[in-house]
PDB file of N, CA and C in Angstrom:
ATOM      1  N   MET A   1     -16.488  -2.685  -7.234  1.00  0.00           N
ATOM      2  CA  MET A   1     -15.497  -1.623  -7.098  1.00  0.00           C
ATOM      3  C   MET A   1     -14.111  -2.243  -6.907  1.00  0.00           C
ATOM      4  N   ALA A   2     -13.160  -1.720  -7.609  1.00  0.00           N
ATOM      5  CA  ALA A   2     -11.791  -2.245  -7.558  1.00  0.00           C
ATOM      6  C   ALA A   2     -11.137  -1.906  -6.224  1.00  0.00           C
ATOM      7  N   ARG A   3     -10.311  -2.801  -5.760  1.00  0.00           N
ATOM      8  CA  ARG A   3      -9.517  -2.541  -4.574  1.00  0.00           C
ATOM      9  C   ARG A   3      -8.384  -1.606  -4.968  1.00  0.00           C
ATOM     10  N   ARG A   4      -8.072  -0.673  -4.138  1.00  0.00           N
ATOM     11  CA  ARG A   4      -7.003   0.278  -4.438  1.00  0.00           C
ATOM     12  C   ARG A   4      -5.781  -0.024  -3.594  1.00  0.00           C
ATOM     13  N   PHE A   5      -4.677  -0.310  -4.264  1.00  0.00           N
ATOM     14  CA  PHE A   5      -3.410  -0.551  -3.596  1.00  0.00           C
ATOM     15  C   PHE A   5      -2.553   0.696  -3.720  1.00  0.00           C
ATOM     16  N   ARG A   6      -1.774   0.994  -2.685  1.00  0.00           N
ATOM     17  CA  ARG A   6      -0.854   2.121  -2.736  1.00  0.00           C
ATOM     18  C   ARG A   6       0.578   1.677  -2.992  1.00  0.00           C
ATOM     19  N   ASN A   7       0.837   0.364  -2.891  1.00  0.00           N
ATOM     20  CA  ASN A   7       2.164  -0.168  -3.194  1.00  0.00           C
ATOM     21  C   ASN A   7       2.021  -1.632  -3.585  1.00  0.00           C
ATOM     22  N   CYS A   8       3.067  -2.194  -4.148  1.00  0.00           N
ATOM     23  CA  CYS A   8       3.026  -3.609  -4.541  1.00  0.00           C
ATOM     24  C   CYS A   8       3.937  -4.479  -3.686  1.00  0.00           C
ATOM     25  N   ILE A   9       4.632  -3.883  -2.708  1.00  0.00           N
ATOM     26  CA  ILE A   9       5.599  -4.659  -1.933  1.00  0.00           C
ATOM     27  C   ILE A   9       5.084  -5.115  -0.572  1.00  0.00           C
ATOM     28  N   GLY A  10       3.941  -4.622  -0.162  1.00  0.00           N
ATOM     29  CA  GLY A  10       3.428  -4.922   1.180  1.00  0.00           C
ATOM     30  C   GLY A  10       3.429  -6.392   1.563  1.00  0.00           C
ATOM     31  N   PRO A  11       2.847  -7.262   0.731  1.00  0.00           N
ATOM     32  CA  PRO A  11       2.825  -8.684   1.103  1.00  0.00           C
ATOM     33  C   PRO A  11       4.221  -9.299   1.238  1.00  0.00           C
ATOM     34  N   GLN A  12       5.143  -8.869   0.391  1.00  0.00           N
ATOM     35  CA  GLN A  12       6.503  -9.405   0.477  1.00  0.00           C
ATOM     36  C   GLN A  12       7.237  -8.876   1.713  1.00  0.00           C
ATOM     37  N   VAL A  13       6.982  -7.636   2.080  1.00  0.00           N
ATOM     38  CA  VAL A  13       7.580  -7.092   3.305  1.00  0.00           C
ATOM     39  C   VAL A  13       7.102  -7.909   4.494  1.00  0.00           C
ATOM     40  N   ARG A  14       5.789  -8.146   4.565  1.00  0.00           N
ATOM     41  CA  ARG A  14       5.233  -8.936   5.672  1.00  0.00           C
ATOM     42  C   ARG A  14       5.851 -10.341   5.688  1.00  0.00           C
ATOM     43  N   ALA A  15       5.928 -10.977   4.524  1.00  0.00           N
ATOM     44  CA  ALA A  15       6.474 -12.336   4.455  1.00  0.00           C
ATOM     45  C   ALA A  15       7.936 -12.374   4.901  1.00  0.00           C
ATOM     46  N   GLN A  16       8.733 -11.429   4.433  1.00  0.00           N
ATOM     47  CA  GLN A  16      10.153 -11.396   4.813  1.00  0.00           C
ATOM     48  C   GLN A  16      10.309 -11.064   6.299  1.00  0.00           C
ATOM     49  N   ARG A  17       9.491 -10.138   6.785  1.00  0.00           N
ATOM     50  CA  ARG A  17       9.565  -9.749   8.202  1.00  0.00           C
ATOM     51  C   ARG A  17       9.237 -10.933   9.102  1.00  0.00           C
ATOM     52  N   THR A  18       8.146 -11.625   8.793  1.00  0.00           N
ATOM     53  CA  THR A  18       7.753 -12.759   9.635  1.00  0.00           C
ATOM     54  C   THR A  18       8.742 -13.919   9.501  1.00  0.00           C
ATOM     55  N   ALA A  19       9.304 -14.111   8.301  1.00  0.00           N
ATOM     56  CA  ALA A  19      10.310 -15.164   8.109  1.00  0.00           C
ATOM     57  C   ALA A  19      11.543 -14.905   8.966  1.00  0.00           C
ATOM     58  N   LYS A  20      11.844 -13.622   9.192  1.00  0.00           N
ATOM     59  CA  LYS A  20      12.997 -13.256  10.025  1.00  0.00           C
ATOM     60  C   LYS A  20      12.640 -13.237  11.510  1.00  0.00           C
ATOM     61  N   GLY A  21      11.361 -13.474  11.825  1.00  0.00           N
ATOM     62  CA  GLY A  21      10.932 -13.491  13.221  1.00  0.00           C
ATOM     63  C   GLY A  21      10.832 -12.117  13.846  1.00  0.00           C
ATOM     64  N   LEU A  22      10.617 -11.097  13.014  1.00  0.00           N
ATOM     65  CA  LEU A  22      10.522  -9.722  13.512  1.00  0.00           C
ATOM     66  C   LEU A  22       9.062  -9.283  13.640  1.00  0.00           C
ATOM     67  N   THR A  23       8.784  -8.500  14.661  1.00  0.00           N
ATOM     68  CA  THR A  23       7.480  -7.855  14.765  1.00  0.00           C
ATOM     69  C   THR A  23       7.526  -6.559  13.964  1.00  0.00           C
ATOM     70  N   GLN A  24       6.372  -5.978  13.719  1.00  0.00           N
ATOM     71  CA  GLN A  24       6.331  -4.674  13.046  1.00  0.00           C
ATOM     72  C   GLN A  24       7.079  -3.646  13.881  1.00  0.00           C
ATOM     73  N   GLU A  25       6.942  -3.718  15.182  1.00  0.00           N
ATOM     74  CA  GLU A  25       7.630  -2.788  16.082  1.00  0.00           C
ATOM     75  C   GLU A  25       9.147  -2.935  15.966  1.00  0.00           C
ATOM     76  N   GLN A  26       9.631  -4.156  15.896  1.00  0.00           N
ATOM     77  CA  GLN A  26      11.075  -4.384  15.783  1.00  0.00           C
ATOM     78  C   GLN A  26      11.615  -3.878  14.448  1.00  0.00           C
ATOM     79  N   LEU A  27      10.897  -4.149  13.357  1.00  0.00           N
ATOM     80  CA  LEU A  27      11.330  -3.649  12.052  1.00  0.00           C
ATOM     81  C   LEU A  27      11.317  -2.129  12.048  1.00  0.00           C
ATOM     82  N   SER A  28      10.280  -1.554  12.609  1.00  0.00           N
ATOM     83  CA  SER A  28      10.185  -0.095  12.693  1.00  0.00           C
ATOM     84  C   SER A  28      11.370   0.487  13.461  1.00  0.00           C
ATOM     85  N   ALA A  29      11.716  -0.114  14.578  1.00  0.00           N
ATOM     86  CA  ALA A  29      12.839   0.380  15.386  1.00  0.00           C
ATOM     87  C   ALA A  29      14.137   0.327  14.582  1.00  0.00           C
ATOM     88  N   ARG A  30      14.350  -0.760  13.856  1.00  0.00           N
ATOM     89  CA  ARG A  30      15.558  -0.881  13.032  1.00  0.00           C
ATOM     90  C   ARG A  30      15.599   0.201  11.955  1.00  0.00           C
ATOM     91  N   LEU A  31      14.454   0.432  11.323  1.00  0.00           N
ATOM     92  CA  LEU A  31      14.395   1.440  10.256  1.00  0.00           C
ATOM     93  C   LEU A  31      14.594   2.847  10.813  1.00  0.00           C
ATOM     94  N   GLN A  32      14.045   3.110  11.981  1.00  0.00           N
ATOM     95  CA  GLN A  32      14.227   4.421  12.585  1.00  0.00           C
ATOM     96  C   GLN A  32      15.683   4.640  12.978  1.00  0.00           C
ATOM     97  N   LEU A  33      16.334   3.607  13.498  1.00  0.00           N
ATOM     98  CA  LEU A  33      17.763   3.720  13.812  1.00  0.00           C
ATOM     99  C   LEU A  33      18.597   3.935  12.559  1.00  0.00           C
ATOM    100  N   ALA A  34      18.107   3.419  11.425  1.00  0.00           N
ATOM    101  CA  ALA A  34      18.806   3.596  10.147  1.00  0.00           C
ATOM    102  C   ALA A  34      18.527   4.962   9.525  1.00  0.00           C
ATOM    103  N   GLY A  35      17.609   5.748  10.123  1.00  0.00           N
ATOM    104  CA  GLY A  35      17.343   7.094   9.639  1.00  0.00           C
ATOM    105  C   GLY A  35      15.962   7.339   9.066  1.00  0.00           C
ATOM    106  N   LEU A  36      15.140   6.305   8.947  1.00  0.00           N
ATOM    107  CA  LEU A  36      13.782   6.488   8.415  1.00  0.00           C
ATOM    108  C   LEU A  36      12.808   6.723   9.569  1.00  0.00           C
ATOM    109  N   LEU A  37      12.826   7.924  10.102  1.00  0.00           N
ATOM    110  CA  LEU A  37      12.050   8.239  11.290  1.00  0.00           C
ATOM    111  C   LEU A  37      10.545   8.180  11.070  1.00  0.00           C
ATOM    112  N   SER A  38      10.092   8.325   9.828  1.00  0.00           N
ATOM    113  CA  SER A  38       8.660   8.312   9.554  1.00  0.00           C
ATOM    114  C   SER A  38       8.066   6.905   9.515  1.00  0.00           C
ATOM    115  N   LEU A  39       8.910   5.882   9.559  1.00  0.00           N
ATOM    116  CA  LEU A  39       8.400   4.508   9.481  1.00  0.00           C
ATOM    117  C   LEU A  39       8.219   3.922  10.878  1.00  0.00           C
ATOM    118  N   ASP A  40       7.160   4.396  11.557  1.00  0.00           N
ATOM    119  CA  ASP A  40       6.812   3.820  12.849  1.00  0.00           C
ATOM    120  C   ASP A  40       6.010   2.541  12.637  1.00  0.00           C
ATOM    121  N   ARG A  41       5.561   1.897  13.713  1.00  0.00           N
ATOM    122  CA  ARG A  41       4.846   0.637  13.602  1.00  0.00           C
ATOM    123  C   ARG A  41       3.582   0.775  12.779  1.00  0.00           C
ATOM    124  N   VAL A  42       2.859   1.874  12.941  1.00  0.00           N
ATOM    125  CA  VAL A  42       1.634   2.098  12.178  1.00  0.00           C
ATOM    126  C   VAL A  42       1.940   2.227  10.687  1.00  0.00           C
ATOM    127  N   ALA A  43       3.013   2.922  10.347  1.00  0.00           N
ATOM    128  CA  ALA A  43       3.406   3.056   8.938  1.00  0.00           C
ATOM    129  C   ALA A  43       3.777   1.698   8.342  1.00  0.00           C
ATOM    130  N   ILE A  44       4.456   0.860   9.122  1.00  0.00           N
ATOM    131  CA  ILE A  44       4.790  -0.485   8.652  1.00  0.00           C
ATOM    132  C   ILE A  44       3.512  -1.282   8.418  1.00  0.00           C
ATOM    133  N   ALA A  45       2.572  -1.199   9.338  1.00  0.00           N
ATOM    134  CA  ALA A  45       1.296  -1.920   9.192  1.00  0.00           C
ATOM    135  C   ALA A  45       0.565  -1.456   7.938  1.00  0.00           C
ATOM    136  N   LYS A  46       0.515  -0.151   7.712  1.00  0.00           N
ATOM    137  CA  LYS A  46      -0.161   0.384   6.526  1.00  0.00           C
ATOM    138  C   LYS A  46       0.561  -0.022   5.250  1.00  0.00           C
ATOM    139  N   LEU A  47       1.882  -0.025   5.289  1.00  0.00           N
ATOM    140  CA  LEU A  47       2.663  -0.453   4.124  1.00  0.00           C
ATOM    141  C   LEU A  47       2.348  -1.915   3.800  1.00  0.00           C
ATOM    142  N   GLU A  48       2.332  -2.766   4.834  1.00  0.00           N
ATOM    143  CA  GLU A  48       2.066  -4.187   4.625  1.00  0.00           C
ATOM    144  C   GLU A  48       0.637  -4.432   4.128  1.00  0.00           C
ATOM    145  N   MET A  49      -0.305  -3.580   4.532  1.00  0.00           N
ATOM    146  CA  MET A  49      -1.699  -3.701   4.074  1.00  0.00           C
ATOM    147  C   MET A  49      -1.920  -3.012   2.729  1.00  0.00           C
ATOM    148  N   GLN A  50      -0.856  -2.434   2.194  1.00  0.00           N
ATOM    149  CA  GLN A  50      -0.853  -1.764   0.896  1.00  0.00           C
ATOM    150  C   GLN A  50      -1.730  -0.510   0.873  1.00  0.00           C
ATOM    151  N   ILE A  51      -1.876   0.149   2.016  1.00  0.00           N
ATOM    152  CA  ILE A  51      -2.656   1.390   2.058  1.00  0.00           C
ATOM    153  C   ILE A  51      -1.748   2.604   2.277  1.00  0.00           C
ATOM    154  N   ARG A  52      -0.436   2.390   2.280  1.00  0.00           N
ATOM    155  CA  ARG A  52       0.540   3.474   2.356  1.00  0.00           C
ATOM    156  C   ARG A  52       1.477   3.352   1.165  1.00  0.00           C
ATOM    157  N   SER A  53       1.726   4.468   0.527  1.00  0.00           N
ATOM    158  CA  SER A  53       2.709   4.485  -0.558  1.00  0.00           C
ATOM    159  C   SER A  53       4.098   4.290   0.032  1.00  0.00           C
ATOM    160  N   VAL A  54       5.017   3.874  -0.809  1.00  0.00           N
ATOM    161  CA  VAL A  54       6.387   3.660  -0.362  1.00  0.00           C
ATOM    162  C   VAL A  54       7.329   4.303  -1.374  1.00  0.00           C
ATOM    163  N   LYS A  55       8.328   4.972  -0.861  1.00  0.00           N
ATOM    164  CA  LYS A  55       9.311   5.642  -1.717  1.00  0.00           C
ATOM    165  C   LYS A  55      10.426   4.670  -2.070  1.00  0.00           C
ATOM    166  N   ASP A  56      11.106   4.960  -3.164  1.00  0.00           N
ATOM    167  CA  ASP A  56      12.163   4.052  -3.622  1.00  0.00           C
ATOM    168  C   ASP A  56      13.259   3.879  -2.573  1.00  0.00           C
ATOM    169  N   TYR A  57      13.664   4.942  -1.923  1.00  0.00           N
ATOM    170  CA  TYR A  57      14.720   4.821  -0.917  1.00  0.00           C
ATOM    171  C   TYR A  57      14.229   4.032   0.300  1.00  0.00           C
ATOM    172  N   GLU A  58      12.926   4.081   0.584  1.00  0.00           N
ATOM    173  CA  GLU A  58      12.388   3.282   1.682  1.00  0.00           C
ATOM    174  C   GLU A  58      12.469   1.788   1.341  1.00  0.00           C
ATOM    175  N   ILE A  59      12.199   1.445   0.084  1.00  0.00           N
ATOM    176  CA  ILE A  59      12.299   0.046  -0.346  1.00  0.00           C
ATOM    177  C   ILE A  59      13.717  -0.461  -0.118  1.00  0.00           C
ATOM    178  N   VAL A  60      14.694   0.332  -0.507  1.00  0.00           N
ATOM    179  CA  VAL A  60      16.096  -0.078  -0.361  1.00  0.00           C
ATOM    180  C   VAL A  60      16.449  -0.269   1.116  1.00  0.00           C
ATOM    181  N   MET A  61      16.024   0.654   1.958  1.00  0.00           N
ATOM    182  CA  MET A  61      16.346   0.567   3.385  1.00  0.00           C
ATOM    183  C   MET A  61      15.594  -0.580   4.066  1.00  0.00           C
ATOM    184  N   ILE A  62      14.340  -0.787   3.694  1.00  0.00           N
ATOM    185  CA  ILE A  62      13.572  -1.904   4.253  1.00  0.00           C
ATOM    186  C   ILE A  62      14.250  -3.216   3.881  1.00  0.00           C
ATOM    187  N   ALA A  63      14.620  -3.354   2.619  1.00  0.00           N
ATOM    188  CA  ALA A  63      15.300  -4.573   2.171  1.00  0.00           C
ATOM    189  C   ALA A  63      16.598  -4.786   2.952  1.00  0.00           C
ATOM    190  N   ALA A  64      17.362  -3.724   3.131  1.00  0.00           N
ATOM    191  CA  ALA A  64      18.630  -3.841   3.864  1.00  0.00           C
ATOM    192  C   ALA A  64      18.394  -4.322   5.292  1.00  0.00           C
ATOM    193  N   GLU A  65      17.395  -3.776   5.959  1.00  0.00           N
ATOM    194  CA  GLU A  65      17.111  -4.171   7.339  1.00  0.00           C
ATOM    195  C   GLU A  65      16.549  -5.584   7.425  1.00  0.00           C
ATOM    196  N   LEU A  66      15.926  -6.048   6.336  1.00  0.00           N
ATOM    197  CA  LEU A  66      15.423  -7.423   6.303  1.00  0.00           C
ATOM    198  C   LEU A  66      16.483  -8.406   5.794  1.00  0.00           C
ATOM    199  N   GLY A  67      17.613  -7.886   5.333  1.00  0.00           N
ATOM    200  CA  GLY A  67      18.689  -8.730   4.864  1.00  0.00           C
ATOM    201  C   GLY A  67      18.431  -9.380   3.517  1.00  0.00           C
ATOM    202  N   VAL A  68      17.677  -8.669   2.662  1.00  0.00           N
ATOM    203  CA  VAL A  68      17.389  -9.185   1.318  1.00  0.00           C
ATOM    204  C   VAL A  68      17.703  -8.103   0.296  1.00  0.00           C
ATOM    205  N   GLU A  69      17.804  -8.504  -0.952  1.00  0.00           N
ATOM    206  CA  GLU A  69      17.974  -7.541  -2.036  1.00  0.00           C
ATOM    207  C   GLU A  69      16.635  -6.837  -2.280  1.00  0.00           C
ATOM    208  N   PRO A  70      16.642  -5.566  -2.673  1.00  0.00           N
ATOM    209  CA  PRO A  70      15.383  -4.848  -2.916  1.00  0.00           C
ATOM    210  C   PRO A  70      14.447  -5.569  -3.886  1.00  0.00           C
ATOM    211  N   GLY A  71      14.995  -6.224  -4.890  1.00  0.00           N
ATOM    212  CA  GLY A  71      14.168  -6.947  -5.842  1.00  0.00           C
ATOM    213  C   GLY A  71      13.355  -8.075  -5.225  1.00  0.00           C
ATOM    214  N   MET A  72      13.809  -8.578  -4.082  1.00  0.00           N
ATOM    215  CA  MET A  72      13.073  -9.642  -3.391  1.00  0.00           C
ATOM    216  C   MET A  72      11.742  -9.144  -2.831  1.00  0.00           C
ATOM    217  N   LEU A  73      11.581  -7.838  -2.720  1.00  0.00           N
ATOM    218  CA  LEU A  73      10.335  -7.282  -2.198  1.00  0.00           C
ATOM    219  C   LEU A  73       9.296  -7.039  -3.291  1.00  0.00           C
ATOM    220  N   LEU A  74       9.726  -7.143  -4.537  1.00  0.00           N
ATOM    221  CA  LEU A  74       8.804  -6.933  -5.654  1.00  0.00           C
ATOM    222  C   LEU A  74       8.056  -8.225  -5.968  1.00  0.00           C
ATOM    223  N   PRO A  75       6.792  -8.097  -6.368  1.00  0.00           N
ATOM    224  CA  PRO A  75       6.025  -9.305  -6.690  1.00  0.00           C
ATOM    225  C   PRO A  75       6.435  -9.863  -8.046  1.00  0.00           C
ATOM    226  N   PRO A  76       6.092 -11.124  -8.307  1.00  0.00           N
ATOM    227  CA  PRO A  76       6.322 -11.677  -9.640  1.00  0.00           C
ATOM    228  C   PRO A  76       5.518 -10.886 -10.679  1.00  0.00           C
ATOM    229  N   VAL A  77       5.998 -10.863 -11.905  1.00  0.00           N
ATOM    230  CA  VAL A  77       5.353 -10.084 -12.967  1.00  0.00           C
ATOM    231  C   VAL A  77       3.889 -10.474 -13.125  1.00  0.00           C
ATOM    232  N   ARG A  78       3.579 -11.761 -13.089  1.00  0.00           N
ATOM    233  CA  ARG A  78       2.189 -12.213 -13.238  1.00  0.00           C
ATOM    234  C   ARG A  78       1.290 -11.570 -12.177  1.00  0.00           C
ATOM    235  N   LYS A  79       1.744 -11.543 -10.922  1.00  0.00           N
ATOM    236  CA  LYS A  79       0.965 -10.937  -9.826  1.00  0.00           C
ATOM    237  C   LYS A  79       0.833  -9.438 -10.045  1.00  0.00           C
ATOM    238  N   LEU A  80       1.928  -8.803 -10.434  1.00  0.00           N
ATOM    239  CA  LEU A  80       1.900  -7.363 -10.675  1.00  0.00           C
ATOM    240  C   LEU A  80       0.915  -7.019 -11.785  1.00  0.00           C
ATOM    241  N   LYS A  81       0.936  -7.784 -12.858  1.00  0.00           N
ATOM    242  CA  LYS A  81       0.010  -7.524 -13.962  1.00  0.00           C
ATOM    243  C   LYS A  81      -1.441  -7.697 -13.522  1.00  0.00           C
ATOM    244  N   SER A  82      -1.719  -8.691 -12.694  1.00  0.00           N
ATOM    245  CA  SER A  82      -3.101  -8.903 -12.252  1.00  0.00           C
ATOM    246  C   SER A  82      -3.567  -7.799 -11.309  1.00  0.00           C
ATOM    247  N   ASP A  83      -2.642  -7.150 -10.604  1.00  0.00           N
ATOM    248  CA  ASP A  83      -2.984  -6.074  -9.666  1.00  0.00           C
ATOM    249  C   ASP A  83      -2.808  -4.681 -10.256  1.00  0.00           C
ATOM    250  N   LEU A  84      -2.375  -4.592 -11.507  1.00  0.00           N
ATOM    251  CA  LEU A  84      -2.001  -3.307 -12.085  1.00  0.00           C
ATOM    252  C   LEU A  84      -3.122  -2.275 -12.041  1.00  0.00           C
ATOM    253  N   ASP A  85      -4.329  -2.654 -12.416  1.00  0.00           N
ATOM    254  CA  ASP A  85      -5.445  -1.698 -12.400  1.00  0.00           C
ATOM    255  C   ASP A  85      -5.696  -1.176 -10.993  1.00  0.00           C
ATOM    256  N   ASP A  86      -5.597  -2.050  -9.996  1.00  0.00           N
ATOM    257  CA  ASP A  86      -5.816  -1.630  -8.610  1.00  0.00           C
ATOM    258  C   ASP A  86      -4.691  -0.722  -8.117  1.00  0.00           C
ATOM    259  N   LEU A  87      -3.467  -0.970  -8.577  1.00  0.00           N
ATOM    260  CA  LEU A  87      -2.350  -0.107  -8.198  1.00  0.00           C
ATOM    261  C   LEU A  87      -2.508   1.279  -8.833  1.00  0.00           C
ATOM    262  N   ILE A  88      -2.918   1.314 -10.073  1.00  0.00           N
ATOM    263  CA  ILE A  88      -3.133   2.604 -10.751  1.00  0.00           C
ATOM    264  C   ILE A  88      -4.283   3.349 -10.079  1.00  0.00           C
ATOM    265  N   ALA A  89      -5.338   2.662  -9.738  1.00  0.00           N
ATOM    266  CA  ALA A  89      -6.474   3.293  -9.050  1.00  0.00           C
ATOM    267  C   ALA A  89      -6.063   3.832  -7.690  1.00  0.00           C
ATOM    268  N   GLY A  90      -5.109   3.167  -7.036  1.00  0.00           N
ATOM    269  CA  GLY A  90      -4.652   3.606  -5.729  1.00  0.00           C
ATOM    270  C   GLY A  90      -3.903   4.911  -5.746  1.00  0.00           C
ATOM    271  N   GLU A  91      -3.414   5.319  -6.900  1.00  0.00           N
ATOM    272  CA  GLU A  91      -2.706   6.593  -7.011  1.00  0.00           C
ATOM    273  C   GLU A  91      -3.657   7.772  -6.923  1.00  0.00           C
ATOM    274  N   ARG A  92      -4.917   7.526  -7.189  1.00  0.00           N
ATOM    275  CA  ARG A  92      -5.889   8.621  -7.197  1.00  0.00           C
ATOM    276  C   ARG A  92      -6.467   8.866  -5.835  1.00  0.00           C
TER     277      ARG A  92
END
């Protein structure tokens, strides 16, 4: 059975967050102060585990709070292509 992903940015969010020395709670607090009230620590954990969908404006705000360009959160094309079937399955 294929693994179902709900987003493709989770691993990069985790990598950028840990590289900045932030906990999920700290990132969540920053995002909530920026206006994304629905992104609590649990939502961040689910996003990083790829079991929560992410909206385009959330990607932009997450990137801003991590101090990176939004494109830095996207996986390389090769990785995206290898996960494509699982990402499509995750929409269902």
